[in-house]
């Protein structure tokens, strides 16, 4: 079984935890900050077990995501504290955990942990494939975490205080 590559990073934002939670944990149909559309299965409030499809760009209302689009699920949901999503792509699985903690009056510490787990690659032995790719994957996961942390202010700015 491939070992996931995991990277964690934190940043403090000058906003109360409820606002940061709304900015980061609620799946809007379209996120202009990330330029990603989400199609959520079912109705009602999101929570553990909520399934979604994630596609780059903006989907017009009523348009279904293309076949083969990444499938996601909320696997952990502790309101205003922690949300974990798992996104399945054909060659890999991405797991993202966002944790929120008070960081003083009017401030929230956001910790983002991203794990990347490759699926078996055909052709080469799995251990050799992992060894060859591990450094590049670690850099990609680090860039992903850094990018998410850099976009925090833009996400929070889109929510009401």
C-alpha atoms as a PDB file:
ATOM      1  CA  UNK A   1       0.000   0.000   0.000  1.00  0.00           C
ATOM      2  CA  UNK A   2       1.476   3.384  -0.958  1.00  0.00           C
ATOM      3  CA  UNK A   3       2.425   5.684   1.883  1.00  0.00           C
ATOM      4  CA  UNK A   4       0.768   9.111   1.692  1.00  0.00           C
ATOM      5  CA  UNK A   5       2.849  12.270   1.533  1.00  0.00           C
ATOM      6  CA  UNK A   6       1.517  14.680   4.182  1.00  0.00           C
ATOM      7  CA  UNK A   7       2.291  18.361   4.717  1.00  0.00           C
ATOM      8  CA  UNK A   8       0.918  20.701   7.398  1.00  0.00           C
ATOM      9  CA  UNK A   9       1.002  24.473   7.620  1.00  0.00           C
ATOM     10  CA  UNK A  10      -0.627  27.145   9.807  1.00  0.00           C
ATOM     11  CA  UNK A  11      -1.500  30.790   9.562  1.00  0.00           C
ATOM     12  CA  UNK A  12      -3.267  33.256  11.821  1.00  0.00           C
ATOM     13  CA  UNK A  13      -6.051  35.424  10.393  1.00  0.00           C
ATOM     14  CA  UNK A  14      -7.511  38.511  12.106  1.00  0.00           C
ATOM     15  CA  UNK A  15     -11.107  37.274  12.137  1.00  0.00           C
ATOM     16  CA  UNK A  16     -13.390  35.419  14.555  1.00  0.00           C
ATOM     17  CA  UNK A  17     -13.658  31.651  14.166  1.00  0.00           C
ATOM     18  CA  UNK A  18     -17.325  31.558  12.969  1.00  0.00           C
ATOM     19  CA  UNK A  19     -16.502  33.809  10.010  1.00  0.00           C
ATOM     20  CA  UNK A  20     -13.408  31.793   9.100  1.00  0.00           C
ATOM     21  CA  UNK A  21     -15.450  28.574   9.331  1.00  0.00           C
ATOM     22  CA  UNK A  22     -18.089  29.945   6.934  1.00  0.00           C
ATOM     23  CA  UNK A  23     -15.342  31.019   4.544  1.00  0.00           C
ATOM     24  CA  UNK A  24     -13.508  27.694   4.487  1.00  0.00           C
ATOM     25  CA  UNK A  25     -15.888  24.861   5.334  1.00  0.00           C
ATOM     26  CA  UNK A  26     -19.070  25.697   3.432  1.00  0.00           C
ATOM     27  CA  UNK A  27     -19.108  24.354  -0.130  1.00  0.00           C
ATOM     28  CA  UNK A  28     -20.505  27.124  -2.322  1.00  0.00           C
ATOM     29  CA  UNK A  29     -21.570  26.221  -5.891  1.00  0.00           C
ATOM     30  CA  UNK A  30     -18.632  28.280  -7.164  1.00  0.00           C
ATOM     31  CA  UNK A  31     -15.498  29.554  -5.419  1.00  0.00           C
ATOM     32  CA  UNK A  32     -14.070  32.545  -7.292  1.00  0.00           C
ATOM     33  CA  UNK A  33     -10.931  32.479  -5.128  1.00  0.00           C
ATOM     34  CA  UNK A  34     -10.050  28.949  -6.272  1.00  0.00           C
ATOM     35  CA  UNK A  35     -11.960  29.054  -9.605  1.00  0.00           C
ATOM     36  CA  UNK A  36     -13.646  25.753  -8.769  1.00  0.00           C
ATOM     37  CA  UNK A  37     -17.288  24.638  -8.930  1.00  0.00           C
ATOM     38  CA  UNK A  38     -18.814  22.201  -6.454  1.00  0.00           C
ATOM     39  CA  UNK A  39     -21.892  20.089  -7.113  1.00  0.00           C
ATOM     40  CA  UNK A  40     -23.127  18.790  -3.767  1.00  0.00           C
ATOM     41  CA  UNK A  41     -25.282  15.662  -3.544  1.00  0.00           C
ATOM     42  CA  UNK A  42     -28.433  16.011  -1.494  1.00  0.00           C
ATOM     43  CA  UNK A  43     -29.965  18.906   0.330  1.00  0.00           C
ATOM     44  CA  UNK A  44     -29.606  20.398   3.759  1.00  0.00           C
ATOM     45  CA  UNK A  45     -26.612  21.419   5.785  1.00  0.00           C
ATOM     46  CA  UNK A  46     -23.262  19.836   4.945  1.00  0.00           C
ATOM     47  CA  UNK A  47     -21.725  17.375   7.347  1.00  0.00           C
ATOM     48  CA  UNK A  48     -19.958  14.060   7.601  1.00  0.00           C
ATOM     49  CA  UNK A  49     -20.910  11.910   4.615  1.00  0.00           C
ATOM     50  CA  UNK A  50     -21.799  14.821   2.326  1.00  0.00           C
ATOM     51  CA  UNK A  51     -20.646  13.905  -1.183  1.00  0.00           C
ATOM     52  CA  UNK A  52     -19.651  16.352  -3.893  1.00  0.00           C
ATOM     53  CA  UNK A  53     -18.096  16.663  -7.317  1.00  0.00           C
ATOM     54  CA  UNK A  54     -15.345  19.225  -7.893  1.00  0.00           C
ATOM     55  CA  UNK A  55     -14.563  20.735 -11.308  1.00  0.00           C
ATOM     56  CA  UNK A  56     -12.257  23.544 -12.417  1.00  0.00           C
ATOM     57  CA  UNK A  57     -13.943  26.728 -13.572  1.00  0.00           C
ATOM     58  CA  UNK A  58     -17.554  27.864 -13.287  1.00  0.00           C
ATOM     59  CA  UNK A  59     -20.417  25.547 -14.199  1.00  0.00           C
ATOM     60  CA  UNK A  60     -23.541  27.217 -15.503  1.00  0.00           C
ATOM     61  CA  UNK A  61     -26.675  26.604 -13.412  1.00  0.00           C
ATOM     62  CA  UNK A  62     -28.082  23.144 -14.023  1.00  0.00           C
ATOM     63  CA  UNK A  63     -25.062  21.914 -15.996  1.00  0.00           C
ATOM     64  CA  UNK A  64     -23.784  18.580 -14.768  1.00  0.00           C
ATOM     65  CA  UNK A  65     -20.054  18.020 -14.203  1.00  0.00           C
ATOM     66  CA  UNK A  66     -18.227  16.098 -16.919  1.00  0.00           C
ATOM     67  CA  UNK A  67     -17.953  12.341 -16.528  1.00  0.00           C
ATOM     68  CA  UNK A  68     -14.836  11.394 -14.602  1.00  0.00           C
ATOM     69  CA  UNK A  69     -14.781  14.606 -12.536  1.00  0.00           C
ATOM     70  CA  UNK A  70     -13.144  14.262  -9.119  1.00  0.00           C
ATOM     71  CA  UNK A  71     -15.484  12.814  -6.495  1.00  0.00           C
ATOM     72  CA  UNK A  72     -15.284  14.112  -2.938  1.00  0.00           C
ATOM     73  CA  UNK A  73     -16.726  13.389   0.472  1.00  0.00           C
ATOM     74  CA  UNK A  74     -16.671  15.130   3.824  1.00  0.00           C
ATOM     75  CA  UNK A  75     -15.203  12.475   6.115  1.00  0.00           C
ATOM     76  CA  UNK A  76     -14.997  14.535   9.313  1.00  0.00           C
ATOM     77  CA  UNK A  77     -17.143  17.480  10.398  1.00  0.00           C
ATOM     78  CA  UNK A  78     -16.801  19.210  13.758  1.00  0.00           C
ATOM     79  CA  UNK A  79     -18.485  22.614  13.293  1.00  0.00           C
ATOM     80  CA  UNK A  80     -16.168  25.588  13.774  1.00  0.00           C
ATOM     81  CA  UNK A  81     -13.270  23.270  14.668  1.00  0.00           C
ATOM     82  CA  UNK A  82     -12.371  20.779  11.951  1.00  0.00           C
ATOM     83  CA  UNK A  83     -13.440  19.564   8.516  1.00  0.00           C
ATOM     84  CA  UNK A  84     -11.753  16.828   6.521  1.00  0.00           C
ATOM     85  CA  UNK A  85     -12.489  16.086   2.878  1.00  0.00           C
ATOM     86  CA  UNK A  86     -11.295  13.267   0.690  1.00  0.00           C
ATOM     87  CA  UNK A  87     -11.087  13.865  -3.083  1.00  0.00           C
ATOM     88  CA  UNK A  88     -10.754  10.824  -5.356  1.00  0.00           C
ATOM     89  CA  UNK A  89      -9.016  11.270  -8.690  1.00  0.00           C
ATOM     90  CA  UNK A  90      -8.135   8.418 -11.014  1.00  0.00           C
ATOM     91  CA  UNK A  91      -4.441   8.179 -10.095  1.00  0.00           C
ATOM     92  CA  UNK A  92      -4.563   9.549  -6.553  1.00  0.00           C
ATOM     93  CA  UNK A  93      -6.491  10.510  -3.433  1.00  0.00           C
ATOM     94  CA  UNK A  94      -6.152  13.924  -1.772  1.00  0.00           C
ATOM     95  CA  UNK A  95      -7.215  14.345   1.852  1.00  0.00           C
ATOM     96  CA  UNK A  96      -7.436  17.853   3.284  1.00  0.00           C
ATOM     97  CA  UNK A  97      -8.052  18.742   6.931  1.00  0.00           C
ATOM     98  CA  UNK A  98      -8.759  22.305   8.020  1.00  0.00           C
ATOM     99  CA  UNK A  99      -8.510  22.933  11.761  1.00  0.00           C
ATOM    100  CA  UNK A 100      -9.507  26.181  13.453  1.00  0.00           C
ATOM    101  CA  UNK A 101      -8.466  27.401  16.897  1.00  0.00           C
ATOM    102  CA  UNK A 102      -8.827  30.705  18.704  1.00  0.00           C
ATOM    103  CA  UNK A 103      -5.613  32.714  18.524  1.00  0.00           C
ATOM    104  CA  UNK A 104      -6.512  35.625  20.758  1.00  0.00           C
ATOM    105  CA  UNK A 105      -9.232  38.260  20.622  1.00  0.00           C
ATOM    106  CA  UNK A 106     -10.654  38.433  17.098  1.00  0.00           C
ATOM    107  CA  UNK A 107      -8.098  36.048  15.616  1.00  0.00           C
ATOM    108  CA  UNK A 108      -8.174  32.450  14.408  1.00  0.00           C
ATOM    109  CA  UNK A 109      -5.322  30.040  13.799  1.00  0.00           C
ATOM    110  CA  UNK A 110      -5.939  27.960  10.679  1.00  0.00           C
ATOM    111  CA  UNK A 111      -4.008  24.729  10.257  1.00  0.00           C
ATOM    112  CA  UNK A 112      -4.235  22.947   6.923  1.00  0.00           C
ATOM    113  CA  UNK A 113      -2.999  19.394   6.453  1.00  0.00           C
ATOM    114  CA  UNK A 114      -2.942  17.876   2.975  1.00  0.00           C
ATOM    115  CA  UNK A 115      -2.165  14.242   2.227  1.00  0.00           C
ATOM    116  CA  UNK A 116      -1.560  12.823  -1.222  1.00  0.00           C
ATOM    117  CA  UNK A 117      -1.805   9.084  -1.740  1.00  0.00           C
ATOM    118  CA  UNK A 118      -1.018   7.647  -5.178  1.00  0.00           C
ATOM    119  CA  UNK A 119      -2.905   4.651  -6.488  1.00  0.00           C
ATOM    120  CA  UNK A 120      -0.967   1.744  -7.925  1.00  0.00           C
ATOM    121  CA  UNK A 121       0.836   2.586 -11.150  1.00  0.00           C
ATOM    122  CA  UNK A 122       0.911  -0.030 -13.885  1.00  0.00           C
ATOM    123  CA  UNK A 123       4.180  -1.126 -15.420  1.00  0.00           C
ATOM    124  CA  UNK A 124       6.766  -0.318 -12.734  1.00  0.00           C
ATOM    125  CA  UNK A 125       6.927  -1.999  -9.343  1.00  0.00           C
ATOM    126  CA  UNK A 126       4.993   0.109  -6.850  1.00  0.00           C
ATOM    127  CA  UNK A 127       7.945   0.751  -4.488  1.00  0.00           C
ATOM    128  CA  UNK A 128      10.152   1.938  -7.353  1.00  0.00           C
ATOM    129  CA  UNK A 129       7.411   4.260  -8.624  1.00  0.00           C
ATOM    130  CA  UNK A 130       6.950   5.710  -5.128  1.00  0.00           C
ATOM    131  CA  UNK A 131      10.675   6.247  -4.630  1.00  0.00           C
ATOM    132  CA  UNK A 132      11.038   8.008  -7.994  1.00  0.00           C
ATOM    133  CA  UNK A 133       8.071  10.294  -7.442  1.00  0.00           C
ATOM    134  CA  UNK A 134       8.196  11.003  -3.688  1.00  0.00           C
ATOM    135  CA  UNK A 135      10.360  14.179  -3.795  1.00  0.00           C
ATOM    136  CA  UNK A 136       8.290  15.754  -6.562  1.00  0.00           C
ATOM    137  CA  UNK A 137       5.061  14.814  -4.829  1.00  0.00           C
ATOM    138  CA  UNK A 138       6.258  16.316  -1.528  1.00  0.00           C
ATOM    139  CA  UNK A 139       7.020  19.610  -3.329  1.00  0.00           C
ATOM    140  CA  UNK A 140       3.577  19.551  -5.010  1.00  0.00           C
ATOM    141  CA  UNK A 141       1.803  18.918  -1.698  1.00  0.00           C
ATOM    142  CA  UNK A 142       3.844  21.684  -0.016  1.00  0.00           C
ATOM    143  CA  UNK A 143       2.876  24.116  -2.811  1.00  0.00           C
ATOM    144  CA  UNK A 144      -0.751  23.087  -2.346  1.00  0.00           C
ATOM    145  CA  UNK A 145      -0.679  23.826   1.406  1.00  0.00           C
ATOM    146  CA  UNK A 146       1.192  27.120   0.877  1.00  0.00           C
ATOM    147  CA  UNK A 147      -1.295  28.181  -1.794  1.00  0.00           C
ATOM    148  CA  UNK A 148      -4.268  27.390   0.434  1.00  0.00           C
ATOM    149  CA  UNK A 149      -2.744  29.390   3.285  1.00  0.00           C
ATOM    150  CA  UNK A 150      -1.965  32.309   0.951  1.00  0.00           C
ATOM    151  CA  UNK A 151      -5.618  32.376  -0.202  1.00  0.00           C
ATOM    152  CA  UNK A 152      -7.049  32.515   3.352  1.00  0.00           C
ATOM    153  CA  UNK A 153      -7.508  36.323   3.381  1.00  0.00           C
ATOM    154  CA  UNK A 154      -9.339  36.245   0.036  1.00  0.00           C
ATOM    155  CA  UNK A 155     -11.672  33.468   1.230  1.00  0.00           C
ATOM    156  CA  UNK A 156     -12.508  35.308   4.459  1.00  0.00           C
ATOM    157  CA  UNK A 157     -12.974  38.611   2.626  1.00  0.00           C
ATOM    158  CA  UNK A 158     -15.813  37.024   0.616  1.00  0.00           C
ATOM    159  CA  UNK A 159     -17.876  36.319   3.768  1.00  0.00           C
ATOM    160  CA  UNK A 160     -19.948  38.675   5.835  1.00  0.00           C
ATOM    161  CA  UNK A 161     -18.561  39.619   9.256  1.00  0.00           C
END
